[in-house]
Amino acid sequence: MMFVIFVAFLALGVPIAFSVGWSTLSVYLLNPSFTCDAEYFVKTMVNGMDSYVLIAIPLFMLSSSIMAESGMSNRLYNFFSYFFGNIPAGLPIAVVVTCLFYGAICGSGPATVAAIGTMCIPLLTSLGYERDFVTSMIAVSGGLGVIIPPSIPFITYGLATGASIGDMFIAGILPGLLIGLCLIAYIIFYFSKKEKRMNLTIEKNTQALREKGFISIFKEGFFALLAPVIILGGIYGGIVSPTEAACVSVIYALLIGVLAYRVINLKKLIGCMIDTARTATPVMLILSISIVFGRVLTILNIPQALAAFVVGHVQSKIVVLLVINVFLLFAGMVMDTVPCILILAPIMLPIVQQYGVDTIHFGVIMTVNLAIGFVTPPIGTNLFVANSITKIPITRIAKHAFPFIVMFILALMLITYIPQITLVLPSLMG
């Protein structure tokens, strides 16, 4: 009944936090002898939020907002364009590489689309690239923002399952690079078919970058390139925890924005803090309620019972992983990433563990699936961000994004069935 009520509320358009909350309380309403009454619900919410790890989420959001305001995406793009900009596929490839690096700064898919799209879409369309193609490419590439560490979904998964957030961050590097390479492979294929029919004016842009010189371009992008090195190097070097790294990222963003680039003043900083509060508040509310939801699932022994049922009826690990991937792809289409992880991870992890799937490996599989959900209707957060920038209808963006999504899914299959892609770096670092 709890799941029936949850699905019914979602179908009626009730906000996700209230859908989860009322479906959790429904167990007590149906059975007053059950532990989870209103008092238990509120106490568990409050105690669940009393977590050192949780501080990392709003802090990474704040540093992302400050870095976006500082114009780091522009500097990163110019740096990579210097190397790739003299061939038709070069500038789109530079966009994907920029999304990889920017994802290592902000940890958010929509934030990556907003920062990179605002600058790159007008520039590339002015050089003759198709607007629909560029917009869909950036919408999909923005999904790399939640796979390349630091990643807010990785932090959420760690909270939901007890997995090491540091190991999750390390494990996300190679999968993120693999997805980026798959997207780049499609871009090269696309332009190899259309190059003769395109009327691009990239020579002037390339010449302007060349005239600036590598040293000048490198100086402009140096602090932006250094950001992921400081944030991730501190974590992997054992110098700081992920939460402390989030604090470091805020301080670094402020130092660069105020002292190096001199674009952040008090007014802009206050604006960044307001934007962070607006973004983080609903996320933290969903987190607190989902913590109660997870406790109730544990008390009811649902994950263990479901795992026993699946293992008793399905012998093939390949089939189980395929079915879970399909289910997660569908879930990513209708639910946002954070509640999806908090609700489904505690249920699905015991199932895959019965087949020998590592906790870290499954966390990456889950996040990659949900990253694809960023560009699939009806939720498709990245689609809405891209739409707000270009005003291209969401259905049209989704249509042109389809080949990129196919490449994303190809990478997902490789990540799912070749666990070494995910686990080799954590094992080396361990």
Protein backbone atom coordinates (compact mmCIF):
# COMPACT_ATOMS: atom_id res chain seq x y z
CA MET A 1 0.00 0.00 0.00
CA MET A 2 2.90 2.35 0.74
CA PHE A 3 4.17 2.08 -2.85
CA VAL A 4 0.66 2.30 -4.30
CA ILE A 5 0.06 5.57 -2.40
CA PHE A 6 3.47 6.90 -3.49
CA VAL A 7 2.79 6.19 -7.20
CA ALA A 8 -0.75 7.60 -6.93
CA PHE A 9 0.52 10.86 -5.44
CA LEU A 10 3.17 11.17 -8.16
CA ALA A 11 0.51 10.58 -10.82
CA LEU A 12 -1.61 13.35 -9.28
CA GLY A 13 1.31 15.77 -9.47
CA VAL A 14 1.93 16.00 -5.72
CA PRO A 15 5.48 17.32 -5.06
CA ILE A 16 7.98 14.51 -4.58
CA ALA A 17 8.81 15.39 -0.95
CA PHE A 18 5.15 15.20 0.10
CA SER A 19 4.58 12.05 -1.96
CA VAL A 20 7.41 10.30 -0.14
CA GLY A 21 6.34 11.71 3.24
CA TRP A 22 2.67 10.73 3.08
CA SER A 23 3.42 7.28 1.65
CA THR A 24 5.81 6.73 4.58
CA LEU A 25 3.23 7.89 7.16
CA SER A 26 0.58 5.73 5.49
CA VAL A 27 2.12 2.63 7.10
CA TYR A 28 1.32 4.04 10.55
CA LEU A 29 -2.14 5.22 9.43
CA LEU A 30 -2.93 1.71 8.17
CA ASN A 31 -1.40 0.06 11.25
CA PRO A 32 -1.34 2.32 14.38
CA SER A 33 0.89 -0.18 16.20
CA PHE A 34 3.72 0.50 13.72
CA THR A 35 6.73 2.49 14.94
CA CYS A 36 6.58 5.37 12.45
CA ASP A 37 4.09 7.80 13.95
CA ALA A 38 4.31 11.58 13.39
CA GLU A 39 6.71 12.06 16.32
CA TYR A 40 9.09 9.35 15.06
CA PHE A 41 8.85 10.82 11.56
CA VAL A 42 9.93 14.32 12.65
CA LYS A 43 12.67 13.08 15.00
CA THR A 44 14.15 10.87 12.27
CA MET A 45 14.06 13.78 9.81
CA VAL A 46 15.93 16.05 12.23
CA ASN A 47 18.46 13.38 13.29
CA GLY A 48 19.03 12.41 9.67
CA MET A 49 19.92 15.98 8.76
CA ASP A 50 22.43 16.14 11.64
CA SER A 51 25.14 14.82 9.35
CA TYR A 52 28.62 16.17 8.66
CA VAL A 53 28.58 14.67 5.15
CA LEU A 54 25.37 16.51 4.18
CA ILE A 55 27.10 19.89 4.49
CA ALA A 56 28.97 19.09 1.26
CA ILE A 57 25.82 19.37 -0.88
CA PRO A 58 24.96 23.08 -0.33
CA LEU A 59 28.67 23.97 -0.25
CA PHE A 60 29.35 22.42 -3.68
CA MET A 61 26.21 24.18 -4.95
CA LEU A 62 27.53 27.52 -3.63
CA SER A 63 31.00 27.06 -5.14
CA SER A 64 29.37 26.11 -8.46
CA SER A 65 27.29 29.28 -8.42
CA ILE A 66 30.33 31.48 -7.64
CA MET A 67 32.44 29.82 -10.35
CA ALA A 68 29.66 30.24 -12.91
CA GLU A 69 29.41 33.93 -12.02
CA SER A 70 33.21 34.21 -12.34
CA GLY A 71 33.11 33.05 -15.98
CA MET A 72 35.27 29.96 -15.53
CA SER A 73 33.39 28.10 -18.28
CA ASN A 74 34.44 30.73 -20.85
CA ARG A 75 38.10 30.38 -19.96
CA LEU A 76 37.99 26.58 -20.02
CA TYR A 77 36.30 26.57 -23.43
CA ASN A 78 38.81 28.99 -24.95
CA PHE A 79 41.67 26.83 -23.67
CA PHE A 80 40.34 23.62 -25.25
CA SER A 81 39.23 25.42 -28.42
CA TYR A 82 42.87 26.46 -28.93
CA PHE A 83 43.74 22.79 -29.58
CA PHE A 84 40.62 21.55 -31.39
CA GLY A 85 39.22 24.64 -33.12
CA ASN A 86 40.78 24.25 -36.59
CA ILE A 87 38.63 21.27 -37.72
CA PRO A 88 34.81 21.14 -38.15
CA ALA A 89 34.35 18.66 -35.29
CA GLY A 90 36.89 20.48 -33.15
CA LEU A 91 34.75 23.10 -31.43
CA PRO A 92 31.97 20.61 -30.54
CA ILE A 93 34.65 18.29 -29.14
CA ALA A 94 35.97 21.24 -27.10
CA VAL A 95 32.44 21.64 -25.68
CA VAL A 96 32.37 18.01 -24.47
CA VAL A 97 35.85 18.30 -22.93
CA THR A 98 34.83 21.57 -21.27
CA CYS A 99 31.76 19.84 -19.79
CA LEU A 100 34.06 17.15 -18.38
CA PHE A 101 36.28 19.72 -16.70
CA TYR A 102 33.40 21.92 -15.57
CA GLY A 103 31.68 18.88 -14.09
CA ALA A 104 34.81 18.37 -12.00
CA ILE A 105 34.23 21.86 -10.60
CA CYS A 106 30.49 22.03 -9.98
CA GLY A 107 29.14 18.46 -9.63
CA SER A 108 25.77 19.31 -11.20
CA GLY A 109 24.31 18.45 -14.61
CA PRO A 110 21.91 21.40 -14.99
CA ALA A 111 24.57 23.83 -13.73
CA THR A 112 26.99 22.52 -16.37
CA VAL A 113 24.40 22.97 -19.14
CA ALA A 114 23.58 26.50 -17.97
CA ALA A 115 27.22 27.62 -17.70
CA ILE A 116 28.51 26.03 -20.91
CA GLY A 117 25.32 26.54 -22.95
CA THR A 118 24.97 30.25 -22.22
CA MET A 119 28.36 30.91 -23.78
CA CYS A 120 28.83 28.13 -26.36
CA ILE A 121 25.43 27.99 -28.08
CA PRO A 122 25.52 31.60 -29.38
CA LEU A 123 29.20 31.28 -30.33
CA LEU A 124 28.90 28.01 -32.26
CA THR A 125 25.70 29.00 -34.06
CA SER A 126 27.35 32.26 -35.15
CA LEU A 127 30.15 30.14 -36.70
CA GLY A 128 27.64 28.14 -38.76
CA TYR A 129 26.92 25.11 -36.58
CA GLU A 130 23.32 23.88 -36.47
CA ARG A 131 21.55 25.32 -33.45
CA ASP A 132 19.55 22.16 -32.74
CA PHE A 133 22.67 20.00 -32.89
CA VAL A 134 24.69 22.25 -30.58
CA THR A 135 21.84 22.61 -28.07
CA SER A 136 21.17 18.86 -27.86
CA MET A 137 24.90 18.10 -27.61
CA ILE A 138 25.33 20.44 -24.64
CA ALA A 139 22.16 19.14 -22.97
CA VAL A 140 23.52 15.56 -23.09
CA SER A 141 27.13 16.49 -22.30
CA GLY A 142 25.88 18.32 -19.20
CA GLY A 143 25.02 14.89 -17.78
CA LEU A 144 28.76 14.38 -17.31
CA GLY A 145 28.51 16.92 -14.49
CA VAL A 146 27.02 14.30 -12.14
CA ILE A 147 29.44 11.50 -13.09
CA ILE A 148 32.78 13.30 -13.05
CA PRO A 149 33.56 13.98 -9.36
CA PRO A 150 32.71 15.85 -7.21
CA SER A 151 29.14 14.70 -7.75
CA ILE A 152 26.08 15.51 -5.66
CA PRO A 153 24.38 12.19 -6.65
CA PHE A 154 27.50 10.32 -5.46
CA ILE A 155 27.22 12.08 -2.09
CA THR A 156 23.53 11.18 -1.96
CA TYR A 157 24.26 7.54 -2.79
CA GLY A 158 26.88 7.41 -0.04
CA LEU A 159 24.33 8.73 2.46
CA ALA A 160 21.71 6.20 1.32
CA THR A 161 23.95 3.12 1.34
CA GLY A 162 26.92 3.88 3.58
CA ALA A 163 29.34 3.65 0.62
CA SER A 164 32.55 5.67 0.85
CA ILE A 165 31.97 8.99 -0.88
CA GLY A 166 35.70 9.32 -1.55
CA ASP A 167 35.71 5.93 -3.31
CA MET A 168 32.61 6.96 -5.28
CA PHE A 169 34.41 10.09 -6.47
CA ILE A 170 37.46 8.09 -7.58
CA ALA A 171 35.27 5.45 -9.26
CA GLY A 172 33.45 8.09 -11.36
CA ILE A 173 36.55 9.28 -13.23
CA LEU A 174 37.01 6.51 -15.84
CA PRO A 175 33.26 6.05 -16.51
CA GLY A 176 32.96 9.82 -17.06
CA LEU A 177 35.90 9.80 -19.46
CA LEU A 178 34.46 6.78 -21.29
CA ILE A 179 31.10 8.51 -21.79
CA GLY A 180 32.90 11.65 -22.98
CA LEU A 181 34.86 9.57 -25.54
CA CYS A 182 31.65 7.93 -26.77
CA LEU A 183 30.04 11.36 -27.29
CA ILE A 184 33.16 12.59 -29.09
CA ALA A 185 33.12 9.48 -31.33
CA TYR A 186 29.59 10.35 -32.47
CA ILE A 187 30.57 13.99 -33.08
CA ILE A 188 33.47 12.87 -35.33
CA PHE A 189 31.15 10.47 -37.19
CA TYR A 190 28.47 13.18 -37.60
CA PHE A 191 30.86 15.71 -39.11
CA SER A 192 32.58 13.13 -41.32
CA LYS A 193 29.19 12.66 -43.02
CA LYS A 194 28.19 16.33 -43.19
CA GLU A 195 31.47 18.21 -43.54
CA LYS A 196 31.17 18.91 -47.28
CA ARG A 197 27.64 20.28 -46.90
CA MET A 198 28.44 22.63 -43.99
CA ASN A 199 29.33 26.28 -44.37
CA LEU A 200 31.39 26.93 -41.25
CA THR A 201 33.38 30.08 -40.55
CA ILE A 202 35.71 28.65 -37.91
CA GLU A 203 38.94 30.04 -39.40
CA LYS A 204 38.42 33.53 -37.95
CA ASN A 205 37.71 32.17 -34.46
CA THR A 206 40.75 29.88 -34.62
CA GLN A 207 42.94 32.70 -35.90
CA ALA A 208 41.85 34.96 -33.03
CA LEU A 209 42.82 32.28 -30.51
CA ARG A 210 46.14 31.64 -32.27
CA GLU A 211 46.94 35.37 -32.29
CA LYS A 212 46.35 35.50 -28.55
CA GLY A 213 48.95 32.79 -28.19
CA PHE A 214 49.04 29.67 -26.05
CA ILE A 215 50.67 31.40 -23.08
CA SER A 216 47.95 34.05 -22.91
CA ILE A 217 45.13 31.48 -23.27
CA PHE A 218 46.77 29.26 -20.64
CA LYS A 219 47.12 32.17 -18.20
CA GLU A 220 43.45 33.06 -18.61
CA GLY A 221 42.33 29.48 -18.01
CA PHE A 222 44.96 28.51 -15.43
CA PHE A 223 42.86 29.00 -12.30
CA ALA A 224 39.86 27.27 -13.88
CA LEU A 225 42.07 24.30 -14.87
CA LEU A 226 43.58 24.23 -11.38
CA ALA A 227 40.19 24.02 -9.60
CA PRO A 228 39.55 20.26 -10.11
CA VAL A 229 43.20 19.52 -9.33
CA ILE A 230 42.91 21.23 -5.94
CA ILE A 231 39.45 19.84 -5.09
CA LEU A 232 39.98 16.25 -6.24
CA GLY A 233 43.70 16.11 -5.46
CA GLY A 234 42.92 17.03 -1.86
CA ILE A 235 40.41 14.17 -1.59
CA TYR A 236 42.50 11.52 -3.36
CA GLY A 237 45.66 12.60 -1.55
CA GLY A 238 43.96 12.04 1.79
CA ILE A 239 44.45 15.70 2.74
CA VAL A 240 40.74 16.55 3.04
CA SER A 241 37.46 14.66 3.30
CA PRO A 242 34.75 15.27 0.64
CA THR A 243 32.99 17.70 3.01
CA GLU A 244 36.22 19.58 3.69
CA ALA A 245 36.87 19.60 -0.07
CA ALA A 246 33.50 21.33 -0.53
CA CYS A 247 34.65 24.04 1.92
CA VAL A 248 37.92 24.35 0.00
CA SER A 249 36.02 24.71 -3.28
CA VAL A 250 33.97 27.63 -1.89
CA ILE A 251 37.09 29.43 -0.59
CA TYR A 252 38.92 28.79 -3.86
CA ALA A 253 35.97 30.07 -5.91
CA LEU A 254 35.83 33.23 -3.80
CA LEU A 255 39.58 33.86 -4.06
CA ILE A 256 39.54 33.42 -7.83
CA GLY A 257 36.33 35.38 -8.38
CA VAL A 258 37.32 38.27 -6.11
CA LEU A 259 41.11 38.52 -6.41
CA ALA A 260 42.15 36.84 -9.69
CA TYR A 261 39.27 37.61 -12.06
CA ARG A 262 37.85 40.53 -10.05
CA VAL A 263 34.26 39.94 -11.14
CA ILE A 264 32.69 38.90 -7.81
CA ASN A 265 31.55 41.75 -5.59
CA LEU A 266 29.33 41.75 -2.50
CA LYS A 267 26.13 42.10 -4.55
CA LYS A 268 27.00 39.14 -6.80
CA LEU A 269 28.06 37.04 -3.81
CA ILE A 270 24.73 37.66 -2.09
CA GLY A 271 22.98 36.70 -5.33
CA CYS A 272 24.97 33.45 -5.47
CA MET A 273 24.02 32.67 -1.87
CA ILE A 274 20.33 33.32 -2.56
CA ASP A 275 20.44 31.08 -5.65
CA THR A 276 22.14 28.35 -3.61
CA ALA A 277 19.50 28.59 -0.87
CA ARG A 278 16.70 28.31 -3.45
CA THR A 279 18.34 25.26 -5.04
CA ALA A 280 19.51 23.51 -1.88
CA THR A 281 16.39 23.91 0.29
CA PRO A 282 14.09 21.54 -1.68
CA VAL A 283 16.97 19.06 -2.09
CA MET A 284 17.62 19.00 1.66
CA LEU A 285 13.89 18.63 2.40
CA ILE A 286 13.66 15.64 0.07
CA LEU A 287 16.82 14.20 1.65
CA SER A 288 15.44 14.43 5.18
CA ILE A 289 12.09 12.83 4.28
CA SER A 290 13.76 10.12 2.19
CA ILE A 291 15.91 9.19 5.18
CA VAL A 292 12.70 8.35 7.08
CA PHE A 293 11.44 6.43 4.04
CA GLY A 294 14.63 4.34 4.02
CA ARG A 295 14.32 3.59 7.77
CA VAL A 296 10.74 2.40 7.30
CA LEU A 297 11.79 0.13 4.42
CA THR A 298 14.45 -1.39 6.67
CA ILE A 299 12.00 -1.95 9.53
CA LEU A 300 9.57 -3.63 7.14
CA ASN A 301 12.46 -5.77 5.78
CA ILE A 302 11.37 -4.95 2.21
CA PRO A 303 14.85 -4.79 0.55
CA GLN A 304 15.89 -8.18 1.95
CA ALA A 305 12.56 -9.82 1.04
CA LEU A 306 12.73 -8.41 -2.50
CA ALA A 307 16.34 -9.59 -2.88
CA ALA A 308 15.40 -13.11 -1.76
CA PHE A 309 12.49 -13.17 -4.22
CA VAL A 310 14.61 -12.06 -7.19
CA VAL A 311 17.46 -14.46 -6.39
CA GLY A 312 14.96 -17.30 -6.03
CA HIS A 313 13.45 -16.69 -9.47
CA VAL A 314 16.30 -15.29 -11.62
CA GLN A 315 19.66 -17.03 -11.83
CA SER A 316 21.38 -14.81 -14.42
CA LYS A 317 23.34 -11.80 -13.21
CA ILE A 318 23.31 -10.40 -16.77
CA VAL A 319 19.51 -10.46 -16.90
CA VAL A 320 19.12 -8.89 -13.45
CA LEU A 321 21.48 -6.02 -14.30
CA LEU A 322 19.74 -5.47 -17.64
CA VAL A 323 16.30 -5.32 -16.00
CA ILE A 324 17.57 -2.95 -13.29
CA ASN A 325 19.15 -0.70 -15.93
CA VAL A 326 15.88 -0.53 -17.87
CA PHE A 327 13.96 0.22 -14.68
CA LEU A 328 16.42 2.95 -13.64
CA LEU A 329 16.28 4.52 -17.11
CA PHE A 330 12.51 4.70 -16.79
CA ALA A 331 12.74 6.00 -13.20
CA GLY A 332 15.14 8.72 -14.34
CA MET A 333 12.54 9.87 -16.87
CA VAL A 334 9.88 10.53 -14.21
CA MET A 335 11.84 11.34 -11.04
CA ASP A 336 14.63 13.72 -10.10
CA THR A 337 18.06 12.25 -9.32
CA VAL A 338 18.31 12.83 -5.55
CA PRO A 339 14.96 11.30 -4.49
CA CYS A 340 15.41 8.49 -7.01
CA ILE A 341 18.72 7.47 -5.43
CA LEU A 342 17.46 7.84 -1.86
CA ILE A 343 14.34 5.78 -2.54
CA LEU A 344 15.69 3.08 -4.88
CA ALA A 345 19.29 2.53 -3.74
CA PRO A 346 18.37 0.88 -0.40
CA ILE A 347 15.90 -1.38 -2.24
CA MET A 348 18.08 -2.39 -5.20
CA LEU A 349 21.50 -2.66 -3.55
CA PRO A 350 20.66 -5.84 -1.55
CA ILE A 351 19.42 -7.44 -4.79
CA VAL A 352 22.59 -6.81 -6.82
CA GLN A 353 24.82 -7.70 -3.87
CA GLN A 354 23.34 -11.21 -4.02
CA TYR A 355 24.90 -11.48 -7.49
CA GLY A 356 28.29 -10.19 -6.37
CA VAL A 357 27.96 -6.61 -7.63
CA ASP A 358 30.16 -4.20 -5.69
CA THR A 359 28.47 -1.34 -3.81
CA ILE A 360 30.67 1.29 -5.50
CA HIS A 361 30.12 -0.24 -8.93
CA PHE A 362 26.35 -0.20 -8.50
CA GLY A 363 26.45 3.43 -7.36
CA VAL A 364 28.13 4.44 -10.62
CA ILE A 365 25.67 2.32 -12.67
CA MET A 366 22.77 4.01 -10.90
CA THR A 367 24.16 7.52 -11.38
CA VAL A 368 24.89 6.98 -15.09
CA ASN A 369 21.32 5.76 -15.62
CA LEU A 370 19.90 8.80 -13.88
CA ALA A 371 22.26 11.11 -15.81
CA ILE A 372 20.54 9.86 -18.97
CA GLY A 373 17.26 10.83 -17.29
CA PHE A 374 18.47 14.45 -17.37
CA VAL A 375 17.84 14.49 -21.14
CA THR A 376 14.73 12.32 -21.42
CA PRO A 377 11.17 13.70 -21.09
CA PRO A 378 9.01 14.29 -19.12
CA ILE A 379 11.40 15.46 -16.34
CA GLY A 380 14.57 15.99 -18.42
CA THR A 381 16.03 18.83 -16.33
CA ASN A 382 18.84 19.49 -18.80
CA LEU A 383 16.28 19.80 -21.60
CA PHE A 384 14.44 22.53 -19.70
CA VAL A 385 17.70 24.39 -19.01
CA ALA A 386 18.67 24.18 -22.70
CA ASN A 387 15.16 25.28 -23.67
CA SER A 388 15.41 28.33 -21.39
CA ILE A 389 18.63 29.35 -23.18
CA THR A 390 17.56 28.79 -26.80
CA LYS A 391 13.71 28.65 -26.71
CA ILE A 392 13.90 25.57 -28.96
CA PRO A 393 10.94 23.25 -28.14
CA ILE A 394 11.90 20.49 -25.71
CA THR A 395 10.60 17.78 -28.06
CA ARG A 396 12.92 19.04 -30.81
CA ILE A 397 15.94 19.10 -28.48
CA ALA A 398 15.09 15.56 -27.32
CA LYS A 399 14.82 14.37 -30.93
CA HIS A 400 18.28 15.69 -31.87
CA ALA A 401 19.69 14.41 -28.56
CA PHE A 402 18.68 10.81 -29.38
CA PRO A 403 21.97 9.75 -31.09
CA PHE A 404 23.95 11.18 -28.16
CA ILE A 405 21.71 9.28 -25.74
CA VAL A 406 22.39 6.06 -27.70
CA MET A 407 26.14 6.63 -27.20
CA PHE A 408 25.50 7.33 -23.49
CA ILE A 409 23.62 4.00 -23.21
CA LEU A 410 26.43 2.18 -25.05
CA ALA A 411 28.86 3.50 -22.44
CA LEU A 412 26.40 2.48 -19.70
CA MET A 413 26.40 -1.12 -20.96
CA LEU A 414 30.20 -1.22 -20.95
CA ILE A 415 30.28 0.23 -17.43
CA THR A 416 27.64 -2.27 -16.25
CA TYR A 417 29.23 -5.45 -17.61
CA ILE A 418 32.92 -4.50 -17.28
CA PRO A 419 33.18 -3.58 -13.58
CA GLN A 420 36.94 -2.99 -13.87
CA ILE A 421 36.19 0.33 -15.62
CA THR A 422 34.68 1.53 -12.35
CA LEU A 423 36.69 -0.35 -9.76
CA VAL A 424 40.28 -0.20 -11.06
CA LEU A 425 41.04 3.29 -9.69
CA PRO A 426 39.51 2.74 -6.21
CA SER A 427 41.48 -0.53 -5.92
CA LEU A 428 44.72 1.22 -6.94
CA MET A 429 44.10 4.15 -4.59
CA GLY A 430 43.09 1.78 -1.78
